Amino acid sequence: ASEVKQLAGQTARATDEIESQIAAIQATTAEAVSAVRAIAERVRGVETVSATVAAAIEEQEAATGEIARNVVQTSNAAQEVATRIAAVSQEATATGERASEVNTLSVRVAASIDQLRRVLIEAIRTATPEVNRRSAPRYPLNRPGRLSVGGRELPVTVDNASEGGAQLSGLPQEAWSDLAEGSALRIALPGLEPVAAVVRALDRGGAGRLHVTFTLSGAERDRFAAQFGRSVAGLAALDRAA
């Protein structure tokens, strides 16, 4: 009977130990379940973060692609601008060359017009009396005179003259540098008072002739006409100036 009691006591103790172990296992299992749940929550949080990171990466890739496209477009635009600038530069060079050619041609045309004007002046001067531009007769003189120009007084030969002007020749070579069409000067005809005049035409070649027109006021013109009339009395008027 005592052995049975001991066995029963041992059995009871073993049962208690087993119950304690089962309770401990249950507690541990509950803790493990809680830990697994916490891990699952953390995993879900990581998944959310991963999704956010993935979306950000996609946006970054899209932005990078857009930047790359813009860079390509900018490069193409810069190349187009450079090409157009080169074309404009070539056009500017060509325009400059054409302008230079036009300027050269203009100079030639101006020279041709001036030469034509001289020819026309000479033609008019040698034309018939009906078209002769001179209103006063010209008389052959071939007399020495004095020309004042550029602060110098120079000897000349008065080939012929009228009340309105004269043709001169025999100017010293150094005098031509001070003379041009429109130059103002003073001339003293033989036996007459000096009068103001302007250059109308020059012929540096050949005989070196100079054509001048007197610039006289009303009173001066009348006085000069009277003096000139007395100085050419008895001379035959020219049909044309030499």
C-alpha atoms as a PDB file:
ATOM      1  CA  ALA A   1       0.000   0.000   0.000  1.00  0.00           C
ATOM      2  CA  SER A   2       2.874   2.372   0.765  1.00  0.00           C
ATOM      3  CA  GLU A   3       4.354   1.708  -2.622  1.00  0.00           C
ATOM      4  CA  VAL A   4       1.073   2.497  -4.226  1.00  0.00           C
ATOM      5  CA  LYS A   5       0.953   5.771  -2.361  1.00  0.00           C
ATOM      6  CA  GLN A   6       4.469   6.621  -3.389  1.00  0.00           C
ATOM      7  CA  LEU A   7       3.668   5.799  -6.983  1.00  0.00           C
ATOM      8  CA  ALA A   8       0.535   7.905  -6.795  1.00  0.00           C
ATOM      9  CA  GLY A   9       2.512  10.782  -5.308  1.00  0.00           C
ATOM     10  CA  GLN A  10       5.137  10.478  -8.005  1.00  0.00           C
ATOM     11  CA  THR A  11       2.441  10.362 -10.608  1.00  0.00           C
ATOM     12  CA  ALA A  12       0.821  13.485  -9.192  1.00  0.00           C
ATOM     13  CA  ARG A  13       4.145  15.295  -9.147  1.00  0.00           C
ATOM     14  CA  ALA A  14       4.896  14.203 -12.676  1.00  0.00           C
ATOM     15  CA  THR A  15       1.479  15.394 -13.727  1.00  0.00           C
ATOM     16  CA  ASP A  16       2.097  18.759 -12.091  1.00  0.00           C
ATOM     17  CA  GLU A  17       5.453  19.044 -13.792  1.00  0.00           C
ATOM     18  CA  ILE A  18       3.904  18.149 -17.111  1.00  0.00           C
ATOM     19  CA  GLU A  19       1.170  20.750 -16.593  1.00  0.00           C
ATOM     20  CA  SER A  20       3.831  23.315 -15.650  1.00  0.00           C
ATOM     21  CA  GLN A  21       5.814  22.463 -18.743  1.00  0.00           C
ATOM     22  CA  ILE A  22       2.683  22.631 -20.881  1.00  0.00           C
ATOM     23  CA  ALA A  23       1.853  26.037 -19.391  1.00  0.00           C
ATOM     24  CA  ALA A  24       5.415  27.185 -20.074  1.00  0.00           C
ATOM     25  CA  ILE A  25       5.193  25.871 -23.622  1.00  0.00           C
ATOM     26  CA  GLN A  26       1.871  27.639 -24.098  1.00  0.00           C
ATOM     27  CA  ALA A  27       3.343  30.883 -22.765  1.00  0.00           C
ATOM     28  CA  THR A  28       6.372  30.512 -25.008  1.00  0.00           C
ATOM     29  CA  THR A  29       4.104  29.728 -27.937  1.00  0.00           C
ATOM     30  CA  ALA A  30       2.052  32.874 -27.232  1.00  0.00           C
ATOM     31  CA  GLU A  31       5.246  34.913 -27.094  1.00  0.00           C
ATOM     32  CA  ALA A  32       6.400  33.332 -30.350  1.00  0.00           C
ATOM     33  CA  VAL A  33       3.057  34.146 -31.972  1.00  0.00           C
ATOM     34  CA  SER A  34       3.339  37.754 -30.773  1.00  0.00           C
ATOM     35  CA  ALA A  35       6.895  37.923 -32.083  1.00  0.00           C
ATOM     36  CA  VAL A  36       5.789  36.492 -35.425  1.00  0.00           C
ATOM     37  CA  ARG A  37       2.983  39.053 -35.572  1.00  0.00           C
ATOM     38  CA  ALA A  38       5.453  41.858 -34.804  1.00  0.00           C
ATOM     39  CA  ILE A  39       7.785  40.514 -37.479  1.00  0.00           C
ATOM     40  CA  ALA A  40       4.881  40.400 -39.932  1.00  0.00           C
ATOM     41  CA  GLU A  41       4.030  44.027 -39.105  1.00  0.00           C
ATOM     42  CA  ARG A  42       7.657  45.026 -39.644  1.00  0.00           C
ATOM     43  CA  VAL A  43       7.734  43.110 -42.929  1.00  0.00           C
ATOM     44  CA  ARG A  44       4.602  44.932 -44.076  1.00  0.00           C
ATOM     45  CA  GLY A  45       6.260  48.250 -43.079  1.00  0.00           C
ATOM     46  CA  VAL A  46       9.363  47.288 -45.048  1.00  0.00           C
ATOM     47  CA  GLU A  47       7.174  46.392 -48.034  1.00  0.00           C
ATOM     48  CA  THR A  48       5.514  49.825 -47.837  1.00  0.00           C
ATOM     49  CA  VAL A  49       8.905  51.526 -47.674  1.00  0.00           C
ATOM     50  CA  SER A  50      10.138  49.347 -50.547  1.00  0.00           C
ATOM     51  CA  ALA A  51       7.126  50.325 -52.644  1.00  0.00           C
ATOM     52  CA  THR A  52       7.729  54.008 -51.874  1.00  0.00           C
ATOM     53  CA  VAL A  53      11.412  53.639 -52.765  1.00  0.00           C
ATOM     54  CA  ALA A  54      10.503  51.816 -55.974  1.00  0.00           C
ATOM     55  CA  ALA A  55       8.054  54.581 -56.934  1.00  0.00           C
ATOM     56  CA  ALA A  56      10.702  57.214 -56.187  1.00  0.00           C
ATOM     57  CA  ILE A  57      13.212  55.306 -58.300  1.00  0.00           C
ATOM     58  CA  GLU A  58      10.733  55.176 -61.178  1.00  0.00           C
ATOM     59  CA  GLU A  59      10.118  58.918 -60.879  1.00  0.00           C
ATOM     60  CA  GLN A  60      13.874  59.534 -60.774  1.00  0.00           C
ATOM     61  CA  GLU A  61      14.366  57.380 -63.859  1.00  0.00           C
ATOM     62  CA  ALA A  62      11.587  59.288 -65.646  1.00  0.00           C
ATOM     63  CA  ALA A  63      13.144  62.619 -64.645  1.00  0.00           C
ATOM     64  CA  THR A  64      16.583  61.413 -65.756  1.00  0.00           C
ATOM     65  CA  GLY A  65      15.123  60.336 -69.096  1.00  0.00           C
ATOM     66  CA  GLU A  66      13.436  63.731 -69.538  1.00  0.00           C
ATOM     67  CA  ILE A  67      16.694  65.518 -68.707  1.00  0.00           C
ATOM     68  CA  ALA A  68      18.535  63.345 -71.214  1.00  0.00           C
ATOM     69  CA  ARG A  69      15.958  64.184 -73.893  1.00  0.00           C
ATOM     70  CA  ASN A  70      16.231  67.887 -73.070  1.00  0.00           C
ATOM     71  CA  VAL A  71      20.016  67.694 -73.302  1.00  0.00           C
ATOM     72  CA  VAL A  72      19.744  66.058 -76.725  1.00  0.00           C
ATOM     73  CA  GLN A  73      17.215  68.660 -77.890  1.00  0.00           C
ATOM     74  CA  THR A  74      19.386  71.494 -76.541  1.00  0.00           C
ATOM     75  CA  SER A  75      22.415  70.057 -78.315  1.00  0.00           C
ATOM     76  CA  ASN A  76      20.469  69.819 -81.570  1.00  0.00           C
ATOM     77  CA  ALA A  77      19.188  73.381 -81.141  1.00  0.00           C
ATOM     78  CA  ALA A  78      22.717  74.654 -80.443  1.00  0.00           C
ATOM     79  CA  GLN A  79      23.985  72.904 -83.545  1.00  0.00           C
ATOM     80  CA  GLU A  80      21.152  74.439 -85.601  1.00  0.00           C
ATOM     81  CA  VAL A  81      21.956  77.899 -84.215  1.00  0.00           C
ATOM     82  CA  ALA A  82      25.648  77.435 -85.043  1.00  0.00           C
ATOM     83  CA  THR A  83      24.721  76.386 -88.577  1.00  0.00           C
ATOM     84  CA  ARG A  84      22.465  79.413 -89.023  1.00  0.00           C
ATOM     85  CA  ILE A  85      25.137  81.757 -87.613  1.00  0.00           C
ATOM     86  CA  ALA A  86      27.647  80.348 -90.100  1.00  0.00           C
ATOM     87  CA  ALA A  87      25.144  80.897 -92.919  1.00  0.00           C
ATOM     88  CA  VAL A  88      24.496  84.485 -91.772  1.00  0.00           C
ATOM     89  CA  SER A  89      28.256  85.099 -91.584  1.00  0.00           C
ATOM     90  CA  GLN A  90      28.673  83.839 -95.132  1.00  0.00           C
ATOM     91  CA  GLU A  91      25.807  86.068 -96.296  1.00  0.00           C
ATOM     92  CA  ALA A  92      27.374  89.052 -94.512  1.00  0.00           C
ATOM     93  CA  THR A  93      30.709  88.372 -96.203  1.00  0.00           C
ATOM     94  CA  ALA A  94      29.018  88.067 -99.585  1.00  0.00           C
ATOM     95  CA  THR A  95      27.047  91.269 -98.920  1.00  0.00           C
ATOM     96  CA  GLY A  96      30.262  93.081 -98.000  1.00  0.00           C
ATOM     97  CA  GLU A  97      31.906  91.914-101.204  1.00  0.00           C
ATOM     98  CA  ARG A  98      28.887  93.029-103.234  1.00  0.00           C
ATOM     99  CA  ALA A  99      28.897  96.396-101.433  1.00  0.00           C
ATOM    100  CA  SER A 100      32.580  96.813-102.291  1.00  0.00           C
ATOM    101  CA  GLU A 101      31.845  95.973-105.916  1.00  0.00           C
ATOM    102  CA  VAL A 102      28.941  98.454-105.945  1.00  0.00           C
ATOM    103  CA  ASN A 103      31.181 101.128-104.414  1.00  0.00           C
ATOM    104  CA  THR A 104      33.866 100.509-107.034  1.00  0.00           C
ATOM    105  CA  LEU A 105      31.248 100.631-109.765  1.00  0.00           C
ATOM    106  CA  SER A 106      29.817 103.850-108.292  1.00  0.00           C
ATOM    107  CA  VAL A 107      33.256 105.460-108.384  1.00  0.00           C
ATOM    108  CA  ARG A 108      33.670 104.410-112.003  1.00  0.00           C
ATOM    109  CA  VAL A 109      30.198 105.693-112.892  1.00  0.00           C
ATOM    110  CA  ALA A 110      30.917 109.005-111.144  1.00  0.00           C
ATOM    111  CA  ALA A 111      34.179 109.321-113.074  1.00  0.00           C
ATOM    112  CA  SER A 112      32.366 108.513-116.323  1.00  0.00           C
ATOM    113  CA  ILE A 113      29.659 111.087-115.549  1.00  0.00           C
ATOM    114  CA  ASP A 114      32.301 113.708-114.764  1.00  0.00           C
ATOM    115  CA  GLN A 115      34.101 112.926-118.013  1.00  0.00           C
ATOM    116  CA  LEU A 116      30.806 113.096-119.912  1.00  0.00           C
ATOM    117  CA  ARG A 117      30.030 116.438-118.283  1.00  0.00           C
ATOM    118  CA  ARG A 118      33.400 117.781-119.416  1.00  0.00           C
ATOM    119  CA  VAL A 119      32.758 116.538-122.949  1.00  0.00           C
ATOM    120  CA  LEU A 120      29.308 118.145-122.951  1.00  0.00           C
ATOM    121  CA  ILE A 121      30.714 121.427-121.660  1.00  0.00           C
ATOM    122  CA  GLU A 122      33.320 121.430-124.410  1.00  0.00           C
ATOM    123  CA  ALA A 123      30.707 120.469-126.990  1.00  0.00           C
ATOM    124  CA  ILE A 124      28.403 123.269-125.874  1.00  0.00           C
ATOM    125  CA  ARG A 125      31.245 125.749-125.905  1.00  0.00           C
ATOM    126  CA  THR A 126      32.164 124.803-129.457  1.00  0.00           C
ATOM    127  CA  ALA A 127      28.569 124.611-130.694  1.00  0.00           C
ATOM    128  CA  THR A 128      26.815 127.069-133.017  1.00  0.00           C
ATOM    129  CA  PRO A 129      25.788 130.464-131.629  1.00  0.00           C
ATOM    130  CA  GLU A 130      22.172 129.271-131.225  1.00  0.00           C
ATOM    131  CA  VAL A 131      23.219 126.781-128.553  1.00  0.00           C
ATOM    132  CA  ASN A 132      26.276 128.598-127.182  1.00  0.00           C
ATOM    133  CA  ARG A 133      25.749 129.089-123.453  1.00  0.00           C
ATOM    134  CA  ARG A 134      27.751 132.327-123.352  1.00  0.00           C
ATOM    135  CA  SER A 135      25.625 135.443-123.447  1.00  0.00           C
ATOM    136  CA  ALA A 136      28.609 137.773-124.038  1.00  0.00           C
ATOM    137  CA  PRO A 137      31.087 137.562-126.930  1.00  0.00           C
ATOM    138  CA  ARG A 138      34.595 136.326-126.270  1.00  0.00           C
ATOM    139  CA  TYR A 139      37.666 138.048-127.587  1.00  0.00           C
ATOM    140  CA  PRO A 140      41.121 136.637-128.289  1.00  0.00           C
ATOM    141  CA  LEU A 141      43.688 138.281-126.014  1.00  0.00           C
ATOM    142  CA  ASN A 142      46.759 136.065-125.627  1.00  0.00           C
ATOM    143  CA  ARG A 143      48.054 138.527-123.059  1.00  0.00           C
ATOM    144  CA  PRO A 144      49.857 138.054-119.730  1.00  0.00           C
ATOM    145  CA  GLY A 145      47.775 138.192-116.557  1.00  0.00           C
ATOM    146  CA  ARG A 146      48.090 137.511-112.822  1.00  0.00           C
ATOM    147  CA  LEU A 147      46.263 134.817-110.847  1.00  0.00           C
ATOM    148  CA  SER A 148      45.931 134.942-107.035  1.00  0.00           C
ATOM    149  CA  VAL A 149      45.152 131.573-105.393  1.00  0.00           C
ATOM    150  CA  GLY A 150      46.149 129.876-102.155  1.00  0.00           C
ATOM    151  CA  GLY A 151      47.951 132.987-100.946  1.00  0.00           C
ATOM    152  CA  ARG A 152      50.200 133.047-104.011  1.00  0.00           C
ATOM    153  CA  GLU A 153      50.232 135.310-107.064  1.00  0.00           C
ATOM    154  CA  LEU A 154      51.098 133.458-110.266  1.00  0.00           C
ATOM    155  CA  PRO A 155      51.691 134.530-113.862  1.00  0.00           C
ATOM    156  CA  VAL A 156      49.252 133.212-116.485  1.00  0.00           C
ATOM    157  CA  THR A 157      48.388 133.771-120.117  1.00  0.00           C
ATOM    158  CA  VAL A 158      44.861 135.019-120.820  1.00  0.00           C
ATOM    159  CA  ASP A 159      43.953 133.189-124.040  1.00  0.00           C
ATOM    160  CA  ASN A 160      40.524 134.753-124.438  1.00  0.00           C
ATOM    161  CA  ALA A 161      37.910 136.433-122.265  1.00  0.00           C
ATOM    162  CA  SER A 162      34.424 137.858-122.123  1.00  0.00           C
ATOM    163  CA  GLU A 163      32.513 139.970-119.649  1.00  0.00           C
ATOM    164  CA  GLY A 164      31.568 136.744-117.844  1.00  0.00           C
ATOM    165  CA  GLY A 165      34.786 134.713-117.752  1.00  0.00           C
ATOM    166  CA  ALA A 166      38.135 133.821-119.250  1.00  0.00           C
ATOM    167  CA  GLN A 167      40.291 130.961-120.484  1.00  0.00           C
ATOM    168  CA  LEU A 168      43.792 130.823-118.991  1.00  0.00           C
ATOM    169  CA  SER A 169      46.897 128.808-119.765  1.00  0.00           C
ATOM    170  CA  GLY A 170      50.574 128.679-118.868  1.00  0.00           C
ATOM    171  CA  LEU A 171      50.049 128.075-115.142  1.00  0.00           C
ATOM    172  CA  PRO A 172      53.153 126.904-113.251  1.00  0.00           C
ATOM    173  CA  GLN A 173      53.024 123.193-112.445  1.00  0.00           C
ATOM    174  CA  GLU A 174      52.957 123.782-108.689  1.00  0.00           C
ATOM    175  CA  ALA A 175      49.783 125.879-108.980  1.00  0.00           C
ATOM    176  CA  TRP A 176      47.566 122.952-110.030  1.00  0.00           C
ATOM    177  CA  SER A 177      47.605 121.437-106.532  1.00  0.00           C
ATOM    178  CA  ASP A 178      45.660 124.464-105.234  1.00  0.00           C
ATOM    179  CA  LEU A 179      43.036 124.339-107.981  1.00  0.00           C
ATOM    180  CA  ALA A 180      39.821 122.355-108.327  1.00  0.00           C
ATOM    181  CA  GLU A 181      36.390 122.954-109.762  1.00  0.00           C
ATOM    182  CA  GLY A 182      34.695 125.581-107.602  1.00  0.00           C
ATOM    183  CA  SER A 183      37.980 126.998-106.234  1.00  0.00           C
ATOM    184  CA  ALA A 184      37.766 130.732-105.516  1.00  0.00           C
ATOM    185  CA  LEU A 185      40.509 132.991-106.879  1.00  0.00           C
ATOM    186  CA  ARG A 186      41.233 136.487-108.151  1.00  0.00           C
ATOM    187  CA  ILE A 187      42.470 137.327-111.622  1.00  0.00           C
ATOM    188  CA  ALA A 188      43.959 140.490-113.064  1.00  0.00           C
ATOM    189  CA  LEU A 189      43.364 140.807-116.801  1.00  0.00           C
ATOM    190  CA  PRO A 190      45.661 143.032-118.851  1.00  0.00           C
ATOM    191  CA  GLY A 191      44.863 146.682-118.142  1.00  0.00           C
ATOM    192  CA  LEU A 192      41.916 145.831-115.869  1.00  0.00           C
ATOM    193  CA  GLU A 193      41.316 145.800-112.123  1.00  0.00           C
ATOM    194  CA  PRO A 194      41.589 142.384-110.386  1.00  0.00           C
ATOM    195  CA  VAL A 195      38.230 140.586-110.142  1.00  0.00           C
ATOM    196  CA  ALA A 196      36.926 137.610-108.162  1.00  0.00           C
ATOM    197  CA  ALA A 197      36.291 134.360-110.030  1.00  0.00           C
ATOM    198  CA  VAL A 198      35.683 130.636-109.555  1.00  0.00           C
ATOM    199  CA  VAL A 199      37.120 127.687-111.445  1.00  0.00           C
ATOM    200  CA  ARG A 200      34.573 126.058-113.778  1.00  0.00           C
ATOM    201  CA  ALA A 201      36.752 123.546-115.609  1.00  0.00           C
ATOM    202  CA  LEU A 202      40.361 122.350-115.614  1.00  0.00           C
ATOM    203  CA  ASP A 203      42.423 120.673-118.306  1.00  0.00           C
ATOM    204  CA  ARG A 204      45.682 119.645-116.664  1.00  0.00           C
ATOM    205  CA  GLY A 205      46.844 117.735-119.704  1.00  0.00           C
ATOM    206  CA  GLY A 206      47.916 119.176-123.020  1.00  0.00           C
ATOM    207  CA  ALA A 207      47.965 122.963-122.898  1.00  0.00           C
ATOM    208  CA  GLY A 208      46.991 123.024-119.224  1.00  0.00           C
ATOM    209  CA  ARG A 209      43.985 125.256-119.652  1.00  0.00           C
ATOM    210  CA  LEU A 210      41.845 126.728-116.888  1.00  0.00           C
ATOM    211  CA  HIS A 211      38.314 128.080-117.418  1.00  0.00           C
ATOM    212  CA  VAL A 212      37.054 130.614-114.867  1.00  0.00           C
ATOM    213  CA  THR A 213      33.800 132.514-114.354  1.00  0.00           C
ATOM    214  CA  PHE A 214      33.804 136.002-112.866  1.00  0.00           C
ATOM    215  CA  THR A 215      31.742 136.516-109.694  1.00  0.00           C
ATOM    216  CA  LEU A 216      30.802 140.191-109.734  1.00  0.00           C
ATOM    217  CA  SER A 217      28.091 142.217-108.030  1.00  0.00           C
ATOM    218  CA  GLY A 218      25.860 144.550-110.015  1.00  0.00           C
ATOM    219  CA  ALA A 219      28.045 147.663-109.680  1.00  0.00           C
ATOM    220  CA  GLU A 220      31.260 145.702-110.151  1.00  0.00           C
ATOM    221  CA  ARG A 221      29.817 144.001-113.212  1.00  0.00           C
ATOM    222  CA  ASP A 222      28.895 147.305-114.810  1.00  0.00           C
ATOM    223  CA  ARG A 223      32.293 148.844-114.082  1.00  0.00           C
ATOM    224  CA  PHE A 224      34.143 145.755-115.337  1.00  0.00           C
ATOM    225  CA  ALA A 225      32.001 145.625-118.507  1.00  0.00           C
ATOM    226  CA  ALA A 226      32.915 149.224-119.307  1.00  0.00           C
ATOM    227  CA  GLN A 227      36.631 148.581-118.720  1.00  0.00           C
ATOM    228  CA  PHE A 228      36.557 145.334-120.669  1.00  0.00           C
ATOM    229  CA  GLY A 229      34.737 146.966-123.584  1.00  0.00           C
ATOM    230  CA  ARG A 230      37.464 149.607-123.870  1.00  0.00           C
ATOM    231  CA  SER A 231      40.252 146.992-123.645  1.00  0.00           C
ATOM    232  CA  VAL A 232      38.876 144.874-126.528  1.00  0.00           C
ATOM    233  CA  ALA A 233      37.845 147.735-128.767  1.00  0.00           C
ATOM    234  CA  GLY A 234      38.828 146.934-132.319  1.00  0.00           C
ATOM    235  CA  LEU A 235      39.109 143.141-131.696  1.00  0.00           C
ATOM    236  CA  ALA A 236      36.938 140.641-133.543  1.00  0.00           C
ATOM    237  CA  ALA A 237      34.881 138.338-131.316  1.00  0.00           C
ATOM    238  CA  LEU A 238      35.550 134.602-131.433  1.00  0.00           C
ATOM    239  CA  ASP A 239      33.017 132.105-132.690  1.00  0.00           C
ATOM    240  CA  ARG A 240      34.332 129.731-130.002  1.00  0.00           C
ATOM    241  CA  ALA A 241      36.958 129.706-127.301  1.00  0.00           C
ATOM    242  CA  ALA A 242      40.146 127.919-128.152  1.00  0.00           C
END
